[in-house]
Amino acid sequence: MQFGTVWKSDKYTFDADIYHTKLDGAYALSPTLDANGNAVYYLGGTQYSKGIEVEGNVVLGGGFSLYANATYSSAKDDQGNWISGAPSDTEVLGLTYLQGPWNVGAFAQRVGKAYNDGTDLSGNIVHQAFTIDPITMVNLFATYKFDKSIGFAKGGSLQFGVNNLFNQEKISGIANATNGSTSANPNQNDQLFLTSGRFVSTTLTLNF
C-alpha cells in the first residue's frame, strides 16, 4: 500500500509518499559466512516495511538549485526485530550549479542507525546484536561539456568527482561475528565492513 503526491512550479518541486508493505517468505542475510567466505541467506519469515519519504528542489537563481530528500522508515520482521542492515532513516542535501557547459554539485548524504544480527554461543541467530551508528558522507562532482569537434570526436564531456570528501571510514556492517559477540561485547575476530575511503576520479567522454 502506498499513497503519494507531487507538486511542481517553475521554481519549486515537491513530492511525498507514505507506504506500508508486507513481504511473506522473505530472505534475510545470515550473520555468518559459509566456508568459502560467501554471504548466506535464510528464510526470515514475514517482513513489514513502512515509512514516509519527502523530496524537494528549489531553483535559487543564477544556475543554482537546492535539493533535499529524507526518508524515515521501519523494517521489521513479524517478531518486531529490525531487519539486518535496514537503516531507520536517510537524508540527502545537495547544492547544484547548471549554467552553460558547467554542471557542478555537492551532496551530503546521511544513513541513519541500523542493526546487524549476530549469533549466541550455540550458533543461533541473535537479532539486533550489533548497532551500526549513522554514517554521513559528502560527494562532489564537476562536469564540463564541449561541443567542438576534437579529431574524430564530435564533442563530449570531462567530469571530475570526489566521493567521501572527508575520508570517513566508518563501520557499515558486521559479518561472521564470533559467537556471543555484540556491540557491547565485541570480539577482535569479528569481521567488519567499512565505508570506502576518499576516491577521486576523472572521466572523459567523447561523442562520435
N, C-alpha and C. Protein backbone atom coordinates (compact mmCIF):
# COMPACT_ATOMS: atom_id res chain seq x y z
N MET A 1 0.85 -1.19 0.00
CA MET A 1 0.00 0.00 0.00
C MET A 1 0.88 1.23 0.00
N GLN A 2 0.57 2.18 -0.89
CA GLN A 2 1.37 3.39 -0.98
C GLN A 2 0.51 4.55 -1.49
N PHE A 3 0.68 5.70 -0.85
CA PHE A 3 -0.01 6.92 -1.27
C PHE A 3 1.02 8.02 -1.41
N GLY A 4 0.84 8.88 -2.44
CA GLY A 4 1.80 9.95 -2.64
C GLY A 4 1.20 11.13 -3.34
N THR A 5 1.98 12.22 -3.39
CA THR A 5 1.54 13.43 -4.06
C THR A 5 2.75 14.13 -4.66
N VAL A 6 2.52 14.86 -5.74
CA VAL A 6 3.58 15.60 -6.42
C VAL A 6 3.08 17.00 -6.71
N TRP A 7 3.91 18.00 -6.46
CA TRP A 7 3.56 19.40 -6.77
C TRP A 7 4.74 20.06 -7.45
N LYS A 8 4.48 20.77 -8.57
CA LYS A 8 5.55 21.41 -9.33
C LYS A 8 5.16 22.82 -9.73
N SER A 9 6.17 23.68 -9.80
CA SER A 9 6.01 25.02 -10.36
C SER A 9 7.31 25.35 -11.08
N ASP A 10 7.42 26.57 -11.60
CA ASP A 10 8.64 26.94 -12.32
C ASP A 10 9.86 26.95 -11.39
N LYS A 11 9.64 27.22 -10.12
CA LYS A 11 10.75 27.38 -9.18
C LYS A 11 10.86 26.24 -8.17
N TYR A 12 9.75 25.57 -7.87
CA TYR A 12 9.75 24.56 -6.82
C TYR A 12 9.21 23.23 -7.35
N THR A 13 9.75 22.15 -6.81
CA THR A 13 9.17 20.82 -7.00
C THR A 13 9.14 20.13 -5.64
N PHE A 14 8.08 19.38 -5.39
CA PHE A 14 7.94 18.70 -4.10
C PHE A 14 7.12 17.43 -4.30
N ASP A 15 7.55 16.35 -3.67
CA ASP A 15 6.76 15.13 -3.69
C ASP A 15 6.92 14.40 -2.37
N ALA A 16 5.93 13.64 -2.00
CA ALA A 16 5.93 12.89 -0.74
C ALA A 16 5.10 11.64 -0.91
N ASP A 17 5.47 10.59 -0.20
CA ASP A 17 4.65 9.38 -0.24
C ASP A 17 4.78 8.64 1.08
N ILE A 18 3.73 7.91 1.40
CA ILE A 18 3.66 7.07 2.59
C ILE A 18 3.42 5.64 2.14
N TYR A 19 4.12 4.69 2.74
CA TYR A 19 4.00 3.31 2.28
C TYR A 19 3.95 2.34 3.46
N HIS A 20 3.34 1.20 3.20
CA HIS A 20 3.28 0.11 4.18
C HIS A 20 3.18 -1.18 3.38
N THR A 21 4.22 -2.02 3.46
CA THR A 21 4.25 -3.25 2.68
C THR A 21 4.47 -4.45 3.59
N LYS A 22 3.98 -5.59 3.14
CA LYS A 22 4.17 -6.86 3.84
C LYS A 22 4.77 -7.85 2.86
N LEU A 23 5.87 -8.48 3.27
CA LEU A 23 6.56 -9.42 2.40
C LEU A 23 6.62 -10.77 3.09
N ASP A 24 5.90 -11.74 2.54
CA ASP A 24 5.89 -13.09 3.11
C ASP A 24 7.02 -13.93 2.52
N GLY A 25 7.58 -14.81 3.34
CA GLY A 25 8.63 -15.69 2.86
C GLY A 25 9.89 -14.96 2.45
N ALA A 26 10.18 -13.86 3.15
CA ALA A 26 11.35 -13.05 2.79
C ALA A 26 12.64 -13.71 3.25
N TYR A 27 13.70 -13.45 2.50
CA TYR A 27 15.02 -13.95 2.87
C TYR A 27 15.76 -12.88 3.65
N ALA A 28 16.59 -13.31 4.60
CA ALA A 28 17.40 -12.41 5.41
C ALA A 28 18.85 -12.83 5.32
N LEU A 29 19.75 -11.88 5.56
CA LEU A 29 21.19 -12.15 5.49
C LEU A 29 21.67 -12.74 6.80
N SER A 30 22.32 -13.89 6.73
CA SER A 30 22.86 -14.54 7.92
C SER A 30 24.07 -13.77 8.43
N PRO A 31 24.27 -13.72 9.76
CA PRO A 31 25.44 -13.02 10.30
C PRO A 31 26.74 -13.77 10.09
N THR A 32 26.68 -15.01 9.63
CA THR A 32 27.89 -15.79 9.40
C THR A 32 28.05 -16.09 7.92
N LEU A 33 29.29 -16.29 7.49
CA LEU A 33 29.60 -16.62 6.11
C LEU A 33 29.80 -18.12 5.97
N ASP A 34 29.75 -18.61 4.71
CA ASP A 34 29.98 -20.03 4.52
C ASP A 34 31.49 -20.32 4.55
N ALA A 35 31.86 -21.57 4.30
CA ALA A 35 33.26 -21.97 4.39
C ALA A 35 34.15 -21.25 3.39
N ASN A 36 33.55 -20.74 2.31
CA ASN A 36 34.32 -20.03 1.28
C ASN A 36 34.27 -18.52 1.45
N GLY A 37 33.66 -18.06 2.56
CA GLY A 37 33.59 -16.63 2.81
C GLY A 37 32.48 -15.93 2.08
N ASN A 38 31.50 -16.66 1.57
CA ASN A 38 30.37 -16.07 0.84
C ASN A 38 29.19 -15.80 1.77
N ALA A 39 28.38 -14.83 1.39
CA ALA A 39 27.19 -14.50 2.18
C ALA A 39 26.19 -15.65 2.15
N VAL A 40 25.47 -15.82 3.24
CA VAL A 40 24.47 -16.88 3.36
C VAL A 40 23.13 -16.24 3.70
N TYR A 41 22.08 -16.67 3.00
CA TYR A 41 20.73 -16.15 3.25
C TYR A 41 19.85 -17.27 3.80
N TYR A 42 18.88 -16.87 4.60
CA TYR A 42 17.95 -17.84 5.17
C TYR A 42 16.54 -17.26 5.13
N LEU A 43 15.54 -18.13 5.24
CA LEU A 43 14.16 -17.65 5.26
C LEU A 43 13.89 -16.91 6.56
N GLY A 44 13.57 -15.63 6.42
CA GLY A 44 13.38 -14.79 7.60
C GLY A 44 11.93 -14.59 7.98
N GLY A 45 11.01 -15.30 7.34
CA GLY A 45 9.60 -15.15 7.69
C GLY A 45 8.99 -13.91 7.07
N THR A 46 7.98 -13.38 7.72
CA THR A 46 7.27 -12.20 7.22
C THR A 46 7.99 -10.92 7.64
N GLN A 47 8.10 -9.98 6.71
CA GLN A 47 8.72 -8.69 6.99
C GLN A 47 7.73 -7.57 6.69
N TYR A 48 7.78 -6.53 7.54
CA TYR A 48 6.92 -5.37 7.37
C TYR A 48 7.79 -4.14 7.19
N SER A 49 7.48 -3.37 6.17
CA SER A 49 8.22 -2.14 5.90
C SER A 49 7.23 -0.99 5.79
N LYS A 50 7.47 0.07 6.54
CA LYS A 50 6.59 1.23 6.48
C LYS A 50 7.39 2.49 6.71
N GLY A 51 6.90 3.60 6.16
CA GLY A 51 7.62 4.84 6.35
C GLY A 51 7.08 5.95 5.49
N ILE A 52 7.83 7.04 5.45
CA ILE A 52 7.46 8.22 4.67
C ILE A 52 8.70 8.78 4.00
N GLU A 53 8.54 9.26 2.78
CA GLU A 53 9.65 9.86 2.05
C GLU A 53 9.19 11.20 1.49
N VAL A 54 10.02 12.21 1.65
CA VAL A 54 9.74 13.54 1.10
C VAL A 54 10.96 13.99 0.30
N GLU A 55 10.69 14.74 -0.77
CA GLU A 55 11.75 15.19 -1.66
C GLU A 55 11.37 16.53 -2.25
N GLY A 56 12.35 17.41 -2.40
CA GLY A 56 12.05 18.71 -2.96
C GLY A 56 13.27 19.35 -3.61
N ASN A 57 12.99 20.29 -4.51
CA ASN A 57 14.06 21.04 -5.19
C ASN A 57 13.62 22.49 -5.34
N VAL A 58 14.54 23.40 -5.06
CA VAL A 58 14.26 24.84 -5.16
C VAL A 58 15.27 25.47 -6.10
N VAL A 59 14.80 26.18 -7.12
CA VAL A 59 15.68 26.91 -8.02
C VAL A 59 16.02 28.24 -7.36
N LEU A 60 17.30 28.42 -7.02
CA LEU A 60 17.72 29.62 -6.30
C LEU A 60 18.01 30.78 -7.25
N GLY A 61 18.30 30.47 -8.49
CA GLY A 61 18.64 31.51 -9.46
C GLY A 61 20.13 31.51 -9.76
N GLY A 62 20.48 32.09 -10.90
CA GLY A 62 21.88 32.15 -11.30
C GLY A 62 22.49 30.80 -11.59
N GLY A 63 21.64 29.80 -11.88
CA GLY A 63 22.12 28.46 -12.16
C GLY A 63 22.15 27.54 -10.96
N PHE A 64 21.88 28.08 -9.77
CA PHE A 64 21.96 27.28 -8.55
C PHE A 64 20.60 26.69 -8.17
N SER A 65 20.62 25.47 -7.66
CA SER A 65 19.42 24.81 -7.15
C SER A 65 19.77 24.07 -5.86
N LEU A 66 18.79 23.99 -4.97
CA LEU A 66 18.96 23.29 -3.71
C LEU A 66 18.05 22.07 -3.69
N TYR A 67 18.61 20.90 -3.40
CA TYR A 67 17.87 19.64 -3.40
C TYR A 67 17.91 19.02 -2.02
N ALA A 68 16.79 18.41 -1.61
CA ALA A 68 16.74 17.72 -0.32
C ALA A 68 15.84 16.51 -0.42
N ASN A 69 16.21 15.45 0.30
CA ASN A 69 15.44 14.21 0.34
C ASN A 69 15.57 13.61 1.73
N ALA A 70 14.49 13.10 2.26
CA ALA A 70 14.53 12.47 3.58
C ALA A 70 13.57 11.29 3.61
N THR A 71 14.01 10.20 4.21
CA THR A 71 13.19 9.01 4.35
C THR A 71 13.25 8.53 5.79
N TYR A 72 12.11 8.31 6.39
CA TYR A 72 12.03 7.76 7.74
C TYR A 72 11.21 6.48 7.67
N SER A 73 11.81 5.38 8.09
CA SER A 73 11.17 4.10 7.85
C SER A 73 11.39 3.11 8.99
N SER A 74 10.63 2.05 8.93
CA SER A 74 10.75 0.94 9.87
C SER A 74 10.68 -0.35 9.07
N ALA A 75 11.68 -1.21 9.23
CA ALA A 75 11.70 -2.50 8.53
C ALA A 75 11.93 -3.58 9.57
N LYS A 76 10.87 -4.33 9.90
CA LYS A 76 10.95 -5.31 10.98
C LYS A 76 10.30 -6.63 10.55
N ASP A 77 10.68 -7.70 11.26
CA ASP A 77 10.03 -8.98 11.00
C ASP A 77 8.77 -9.10 11.85
N ASP A 78 8.09 -10.26 11.77
CA ASP A 78 6.82 -10.41 12.48
C ASP A 78 7.00 -10.56 13.99
N GLN A 79 8.27 -10.59 14.46
CA GLN A 79 8.53 -10.63 15.89
C GLN A 79 8.95 -9.26 16.42
N GLY A 80 8.95 -8.25 15.54
CA GLY A 80 9.31 -6.91 15.96
C GLY A 80 10.79 -6.61 15.92
N ASN A 81 11.60 -7.50 15.33
CA ASN A 81 13.04 -7.28 15.23
C ASN A 81 13.37 -6.53 13.94
N TRP A 82 14.31 -5.59 14.04
CA TRP A 82 14.74 -4.87 12.86
C TRP A 82 15.40 -5.80 11.86
N ILE A 83 15.12 -5.59 10.57
CA ILE A 83 15.78 -6.35 9.53
C ILE A 83 17.25 -5.94 9.47
N SER A 84 18.13 -6.92 9.43
CA SER A 84 19.56 -6.64 9.46
C SER A 84 19.98 -5.73 8.30
N GLY A 85 20.65 -4.62 8.62
CA GLY A 85 21.17 -3.71 7.62
C GLY A 85 20.21 -2.63 7.15
N ALA A 86 18.95 -2.68 7.58
CA ALA A 86 17.96 -1.68 7.14
C ALA A 86 18.08 -0.42 7.99
N PRO A 87 18.38 0.74 7.40
CA PRO A 87 18.52 1.97 8.19
C PRO A 87 17.17 2.53 8.62
N SER A 88 17.19 3.24 9.74
CA SER A 88 15.96 3.84 10.24
C SER A 88 15.59 5.11 9.49
N ASP A 89 16.57 5.72 8.84
CA ASP A 89 16.31 6.96 8.10
C ASP A 89 17.48 7.24 7.16
N THR A 90 17.22 8.03 6.14
CA THR A 90 18.26 8.52 5.23
C THR A 90 17.95 9.97 4.89
N GLU A 91 18.99 10.77 4.72
CA GLU A 91 18.83 12.18 4.35
C GLU A 91 19.88 12.57 3.32
N VAL A 92 19.47 13.41 2.37
CA VAL A 92 20.38 13.92 1.36
C VAL A 92 20.13 15.42 1.21
N LEU A 93 21.21 16.20 1.17
CA LEU A 93 21.13 17.63 0.95
C LEU A 93 22.17 17.99 -0.10
N GLY A 94 21.73 18.65 -1.17
CA GLY A 94 22.66 18.95 -2.25
C GLY A 94 22.50 20.33 -2.83
N LEU A 95 23.59 20.89 -3.29
CA LEU A 95 23.60 22.18 -3.97
C LEU A 95 24.20 21.96 -5.35
N THR A 96 23.48 22.35 -6.40
CA THR A 96 23.96 22.14 -7.76
C THR A 96 24.02 23.46 -8.52
N TYR A 97 24.90 23.48 -9.52
CA TYR A 97 25.05 24.65 -10.39
C TYR A 97 25.03 24.16 -11.84
N LEU A 98 24.09 24.66 -12.61
CA LEU A 98 23.96 24.27 -14.01
C LEU A 98 23.84 25.53 -14.85
N GLN A 99 24.91 25.84 -15.56
CA GLN A 99 24.93 27.07 -16.35
C GLN A 99 25.89 26.86 -17.52
N GLY A 100 25.39 27.05 -18.74
CA GLY A 100 26.24 26.88 -19.90
C GLY A 100 26.80 25.47 -19.95
N PRO A 101 28.11 25.33 -20.14
CA PRO A 101 28.71 23.99 -20.25
C PRO A 101 28.99 23.35 -18.89
N TRP A 102 28.75 24.08 -17.79
CA TRP A 102 29.12 23.57 -16.48
C TRP A 102 27.95 22.93 -15.74
N ASN A 103 28.23 21.81 -15.09
CA ASN A 103 27.28 21.13 -14.21
C ASN A 103 28.08 20.70 -12.97
N VAL A 104 27.87 21.40 -11.86
CA VAL A 104 28.66 21.19 -10.64
C VAL A 104 27.72 20.89 -9.48
N GLY A 105 28.13 20.02 -8.60
CA GLY A 105 27.26 19.71 -7.46
C GLY A 105 28.03 19.21 -6.25
N ALA A 106 27.42 19.42 -5.10
CA ALA A 106 27.94 18.89 -3.83
C ALA A 106 26.77 18.30 -3.06
N PHE A 107 26.92 17.05 -2.61
CA PHE A 107 25.84 16.35 -1.92
C PHE A 107 26.35 15.77 -0.60
N ALA A 108 25.60 16.00 0.45
CA ALA A 108 25.87 15.37 1.74
C ALA A 108 24.78 14.34 1.99
N GLN A 109 25.18 13.11 2.27
CA GLN A 109 24.22 12.02 2.48
C GLN A 109 24.45 11.39 3.84
N ARG A 110 23.36 11.20 4.56
CA ARG A 110 23.43 10.58 5.88
C ARG A 110 22.56 9.31 5.87
N VAL A 111 23.13 8.21 6.36
CA VAL A 111 22.40 6.95 6.52
C VAL A 111 22.26 6.71 8.01
N GLY A 112 21.02 6.60 8.48
CA GLY A 112 20.74 6.50 9.91
C GLY A 112 21.12 5.18 10.53
N LYS A 113 20.83 5.06 11.79
CA LYS A 113 21.19 3.87 12.57
C LYS A 113 20.58 2.61 11.98
N ALA A 114 21.36 1.53 12.03
CA ALA A 114 20.88 0.23 11.56
C ALA A 114 21.37 -0.84 12.53
N TYR A 115 20.90 -2.06 12.32
CA TYR A 115 21.29 -3.18 13.19
C TYR A 115 21.80 -4.33 12.32
N ASN A 116 22.73 -5.10 12.89
CA ASN A 116 23.17 -6.35 12.27
C ASN A 116 22.92 -7.48 13.25
N ASP A 117 22.57 -8.64 12.70
CA ASP A 117 22.35 -9.81 13.54
C ASP A 117 23.69 -10.43 13.96
N GLY A 118 23.63 -11.24 15.00
CA GLY A 118 24.79 -11.98 15.47
C GLY A 118 24.37 -13.40 15.82
N THR A 119 25.22 -14.12 16.51
CA THR A 119 24.90 -15.48 16.95
C THR A 119 25.27 -15.63 18.42
N ASP A 120 24.54 -16.51 19.11
CA ASP A 120 24.87 -16.78 20.51
C ASP A 120 25.96 -17.85 20.58
N LEU A 121 26.29 -18.27 21.79
CA LEU A 121 27.37 -19.24 21.97
C LEU A 121 27.07 -20.58 21.32
N SER A 122 25.78 -20.84 21.06
CA SER A 122 25.40 -22.10 20.42
C SER A 122 25.27 -21.98 18.91
N GLY A 123 25.51 -20.78 18.40
CA GLY A 123 25.42 -20.57 16.96
C GLY A 123 24.06 -20.17 16.48
N ASN A 124 23.10 -19.93 17.39
CA ASN A 124 21.76 -19.49 17.00
C ASN A 124 21.77 -17.99 16.70
N ILE A 125 20.92 -17.57 15.76
CA ILE A 125 20.88 -16.17 15.36
C ILE A 125 20.30 -15.31 16.47
N VAL A 126 20.98 -14.19 16.74
CA VAL A 126 20.52 -13.19 17.72
C VAL A 126 20.25 -11.90 16.95
N HIS A 127 19.00 -11.47 16.92
CA HIS A 127 18.64 -10.27 16.18
C HIS A 127 19.09 -9.01 16.92
N GLN A 128 19.46 -8.00 16.14
CA GLN A 128 19.86 -6.69 16.68
C GLN A 128 21.04 -6.81 17.65
N ALA A 129 21.95 -7.72 17.36
CA ALA A 129 23.11 -7.90 18.24
C ALA A 129 24.07 -6.72 18.15
N PHE A 130 24.18 -6.13 16.95
CA PHE A 130 25.10 -5.03 16.74
C PHE A 130 24.34 -3.78 16.30
N THR A 131 24.73 -2.63 16.83
CA THR A 131 24.17 -1.35 16.40
C THR A 131 25.18 -0.67 15.48
N ILE A 132 24.74 -0.33 14.28
CA ILE A 132 25.59 0.37 13.33
C ILE A 132 25.24 1.86 13.40
N ASP A 133 26.19 2.67 13.82
CA ASP A 133 25.94 4.10 14.01
C ASP A 133 25.71 4.80 12.67
N PRO A 134 25.02 5.96 12.69
CA PRO A 134 24.78 6.71 11.45
C PRO A 134 26.08 7.08 10.74
N ILE A 135 26.00 7.16 9.43
CA ILE A 135 27.15 7.49 8.59
C ILE A 135 26.79 8.69 7.71
N THR A 136 27.67 9.68 7.67
CA THR A 136 27.48 10.86 6.82
C THR A 136 28.67 11.02 5.90
N MET A 137 28.41 11.19 4.62
CA MET A 137 29.49 11.38 3.64
C MET A 137 29.12 12.51 2.68
N VAL A 138 30.16 13.17 2.15
CA VAL A 138 29.98 14.26 1.20
C VAL A 138 30.66 13.90 -0.12
N ASN A 139 29.93 14.08 -1.22
CA ASN A 139 30.45 13.80 -2.55
C ASN A 139 30.39 15.07 -3.41
N LEU A 140 31.40 15.25 -4.26
CA LEU A 140 31.46 16.41 -5.14
C LEU A 140 31.63 15.94 -6.59
N PHE A 141 31.12 16.72 -7.52
CA PHE A 141 31.38 16.43 -8.93
C PHE A 141 31.34 17.73 -9.73
N ALA A 142 32.05 17.76 -10.83
CA ALA A 142 32.05 18.90 -11.75
C ALA A 142 32.19 18.36 -13.16
N THR A 143 31.27 18.75 -14.04
CA THR A 143 31.28 18.28 -15.42
C THR A 143 31.30 19.47 -16.37
N TYR A 144 32.18 19.40 -17.36
CA TYR A 144 32.24 20.44 -18.39
C TYR A 144 31.95 19.78 -19.73
N LYS A 145 30.93 20.26 -20.43
CA LYS A 145 30.55 19.71 -21.74
C LYS A 145 31.07 20.63 -22.84
N PHE A 146 31.63 20.03 -23.87
CA PHE A 146 32.11 20.82 -25.00
C PHE A 146 31.51 20.28 -26.29
N ASP A 147 31.18 21.21 -27.19
CA ASP A 147 30.52 20.85 -28.45
C ASP A 147 31.48 20.84 -29.64
N LYS A 148 32.67 21.40 -29.48
CA LYS A 148 33.60 21.46 -30.59
C LYS A 148 34.18 20.09 -30.89
N SER A 149 34.42 19.84 -32.15
CA SER A 149 34.99 18.57 -32.57
C SER A 149 36.47 18.50 -32.20
N ILE A 150 36.89 17.31 -31.76
CA ILE A 150 38.30 17.05 -31.44
C ILE A 150 38.69 15.79 -32.21
N GLY A 151 39.40 15.98 -33.31
CA GLY A 151 39.74 14.83 -34.14
C GLY A 151 38.48 14.20 -34.71
N PHE A 152 38.30 12.90 -34.44
CA PHE A 152 37.11 12.20 -34.92
C PHE A 152 35.91 12.39 -33.98
N ALA A 153 36.14 12.94 -32.80
CA ALA A 153 35.07 13.12 -31.82
C ALA A 153 34.27 14.40 -32.10
N LYS A 154 32.95 14.28 -31.93
CA LYS A 154 32.07 15.43 -32.12
C LYS A 154 31.57 15.90 -30.77
N GLY A 155 32.48 16.46 -30.01
CA GLY A 155 32.11 16.95 -28.69
C GLY A 155 32.24 15.87 -27.64
N GLY A 156 31.89 16.24 -26.43
CA GLY A 156 31.98 15.30 -25.32
C GLY A 156 31.92 16.01 -23.99
N SER A 157 32.46 15.39 -22.95
CA SER A 157 32.43 15.99 -21.62
C SER A 157 33.61 15.49 -20.79
N LEU A 158 34.00 16.30 -19.84
CA LEU A 158 35.06 15.95 -18.90
C LEU A 158 34.49 16.10 -17.50
N GLN A 159 34.55 15.02 -16.72
CA GLN A 159 33.97 15.04 -15.37
C GLN A 159 35.05 14.73 -14.33
N PHE A 160 34.99 15.48 -13.26
CA PHE A 160 35.87 15.27 -12.10
C PHE A 160 34.99 15.04 -10.89
N GLY A 161 35.31 14.02 -10.10
CA GLY A 161 34.49 13.71 -8.94
C GLY A 161 35.32 13.31 -7.74
N VAL A 162 34.77 13.58 -6.57
CA VAL A 162 35.38 13.17 -5.31
C VAL A 162 34.30 12.53 -4.46
N ASN A 163 34.42 11.25 -4.18
CA ASN A 163 33.49 10.55 -3.28
C ASN A 163 34.10 10.47 -1.89
N ASN A 164 33.25 10.64 -0.87
CA ASN A 164 33.71 10.60 0.52
C ASN A 164 34.81 11.64 0.74
N LEU A 165 34.46 12.89 0.51
CA LEU A 165 35.40 14.01 0.54
C LEU A 165 36.23 14.05 1.82
N PHE A 166 35.60 13.80 2.98
CA PHE A 166 36.30 13.92 4.26
C PHE A 166 36.87 12.58 4.75
N ASN A 167 36.90 11.59 3.83
CA ASN A 167 37.55 10.31 4.11
C ASN A 167 37.01 9.65 5.38
N GLN A 168 35.67 9.56 5.47
CA GLN A 168 35.02 8.96 6.64
C GLN A 168 34.98 7.44 6.50
N GLU A 169 35.89 6.75 7.15
CA GLU A 169 35.90 5.29 7.13
C GLU A 169 35.17 4.79 8.36
N LYS A 170 33.89 4.52 8.19
CA LYS A 170 33.02 4.12 9.28
C LYS A 170 32.58 2.67 9.11
N ILE A 171 32.20 2.04 10.21
CA ILE A 171 31.68 0.68 10.16
C ILE A 171 30.30 0.70 9.50
N SER A 172 30.16 -0.06 8.40
CA SER A 172 28.88 -0.12 7.70
C SER A 172 28.18 -1.46 7.87
N GLY A 173 28.89 -2.44 8.43
CA GLY A 173 28.28 -3.75 8.63
C GLY A 173 29.24 -4.69 9.34
N ILE A 174 28.67 -5.76 9.89
CA ILE A 174 29.46 -6.77 10.60
C ILE A 174 28.98 -8.14 10.12
N ALA A 175 29.93 -8.99 9.76
CA ALA A 175 29.60 -10.34 9.32
C ALA A 175 30.57 -11.32 9.97
N ASN A 176 30.14 -12.56 10.04
CA ASN A 176 30.97 -13.62 10.59
C ASN A 176 31.44 -13.28 12.01
N ALA A 177 30.54 -12.70 12.78
CA ALA A 177 30.89 -12.32 14.14
C ALA A 177 31.10 -13.57 15.00
N THR A 178 32.02 -13.44 15.95
CA THR A 178 32.27 -14.54 16.88
C THR A 178 31.04 -14.79 17.73
N ASN A 179 30.73 -16.04 18.01
CA ASN A 179 29.55 -16.39 18.80
C ASN A 179 29.49 -15.62 20.11
N GLY A 180 28.35 -15.00 20.36
CA GLY A 180 28.16 -14.27 21.60
C GLY A 180 28.63 -12.83 21.54
N SER A 181 29.21 -12.41 20.43
CA SER A 181 29.71 -11.04 20.31
C SER A 181 28.57 -10.08 20.04
N THR A 182 28.64 -8.88 20.64
CA THR A 182 27.63 -7.84 20.45
C THR A 182 28.34 -6.48 20.41
N SER A 183 27.57 -5.41 20.20
CA SER A 183 28.16 -4.07 20.23
C SER A 183 28.79 -3.80 21.58
N ALA A 184 28.12 -4.25 22.64
CA ALA A 184 28.64 -4.01 23.99
C ALA A 184 29.76 -4.96 24.36
N ASN A 185 29.85 -6.08 23.63
CA ASN A 185 30.87 -7.09 23.94
C ASN A 185 31.50 -7.57 22.63
N PRO A 186 32.24 -6.68 21.92
CA PRO A 186 32.82 -7.07 20.63
C PRO A 186 34.00 -8.02 20.81
N ASN A 187 34.35 -8.67 19.72
CA ASN A 187 35.47 -9.60 19.73
C ASN A 187 36.44 -9.21 18.63
N GLN A 188 37.72 -9.35 18.89
CA GLN A 188 38.72 -8.94 17.90
C GLN A 188 38.65 -9.76 16.61
N ASN A 189 37.97 -10.89 16.64
CA ASN A 189 37.83 -11.72 15.45
C ASN A 189 36.59 -11.38 14.62
N ASP A 190 35.76 -10.44 15.09
CA ASP A 190 34.60 -10.02 14.30
C ASP A 190 35.07 -9.42 12.98
N GLN A 191 34.37 -9.74 11.91
CA GLN A 191 34.72 -9.21 10.59
C GLN A 191 33.91 -7.94 10.34
N LEU A 192 34.59 -6.83 10.14
CA LEU A 192 33.94 -5.54 9.95
C LEU A 192 33.98 -5.12 8.49
N PHE A 193 32.90 -4.49 8.06
CA PHE A 193 32.87 -3.85 6.75
C PHE A 193 32.90 -2.34 6.97
N LEU A 194 33.81 -1.65 6.26
CA LEU A 194 33.95 -0.21 6.38
C LEU A 194 33.55 0.48 5.09
N THR A 195 33.11 1.72 5.21
CA THR A 195 32.84 2.52 4.02
C THR A 195 34.15 2.76 3.27
N SER A 196 34.07 2.88 1.96
CA SER A 196 35.27 3.13 1.17
C SER A 196 35.84 4.50 1.50
N GLY A 197 37.15 4.61 1.48
CA GLY A 197 37.80 5.89 1.76
C GLY A 197 37.61 6.87 0.61
N ARG A 198 38.26 8.00 0.74
CA ARG A 198 38.15 9.04 -0.29
C ARG A 198 38.57 8.48 -1.65
N PHE A 199 37.76 8.82 -2.66
CA PHE A 199 38.01 8.31 -4.01
C PHE A 199 37.88 9.46 -4.99
N VAL A 200 38.92 9.68 -5.77
CA VAL A 200 38.94 10.76 -6.77
C VAL A 200 38.95 10.14 -8.16
N SER A 201 38.10 10.65 -9.04
CA SER A 201 38.02 10.10 -10.39
C SER A 201 37.91 11.20 -11.43
N THR A 202 38.38 10.89 -12.62
CA THR A 202 38.26 11.80 -13.77
C THR A 202 37.78 10.97 -14.96
N THR A 203 36.75 11.45 -15.63
CA THR A 203 36.17 10.70 -16.76
C THR A 203 36.06 11.59 -17.98
N LEU A 204 36.58 11.11 -19.08
CA LEU A 204 36.47 11.82 -20.35
C LEU A 204 35.55 11.03 -21.27
N THR A 205 34.50 11.68 -21.75
CA THR A 205 33.54 11.05 -22.65
C THR A 205 33.56 11.78 -23.99
N LEU A 206 33.71 11.02 -25.06
CA LEU A 206 33.74 11.60 -26.40
C LEU A 206 32.59 11.07 -27.24
N ASN A 207 31.97 11.91 -28.02
CA ASN A 207 30.87 11.53 -28.89
C ASN A 207 31.38 11.38 -30.33
N PHE A 208 31.03 10.26 -30.95
CA PHE A 208 31.47 10.01 -32.32
C PHE A 208 30.27 9.97 -33.27
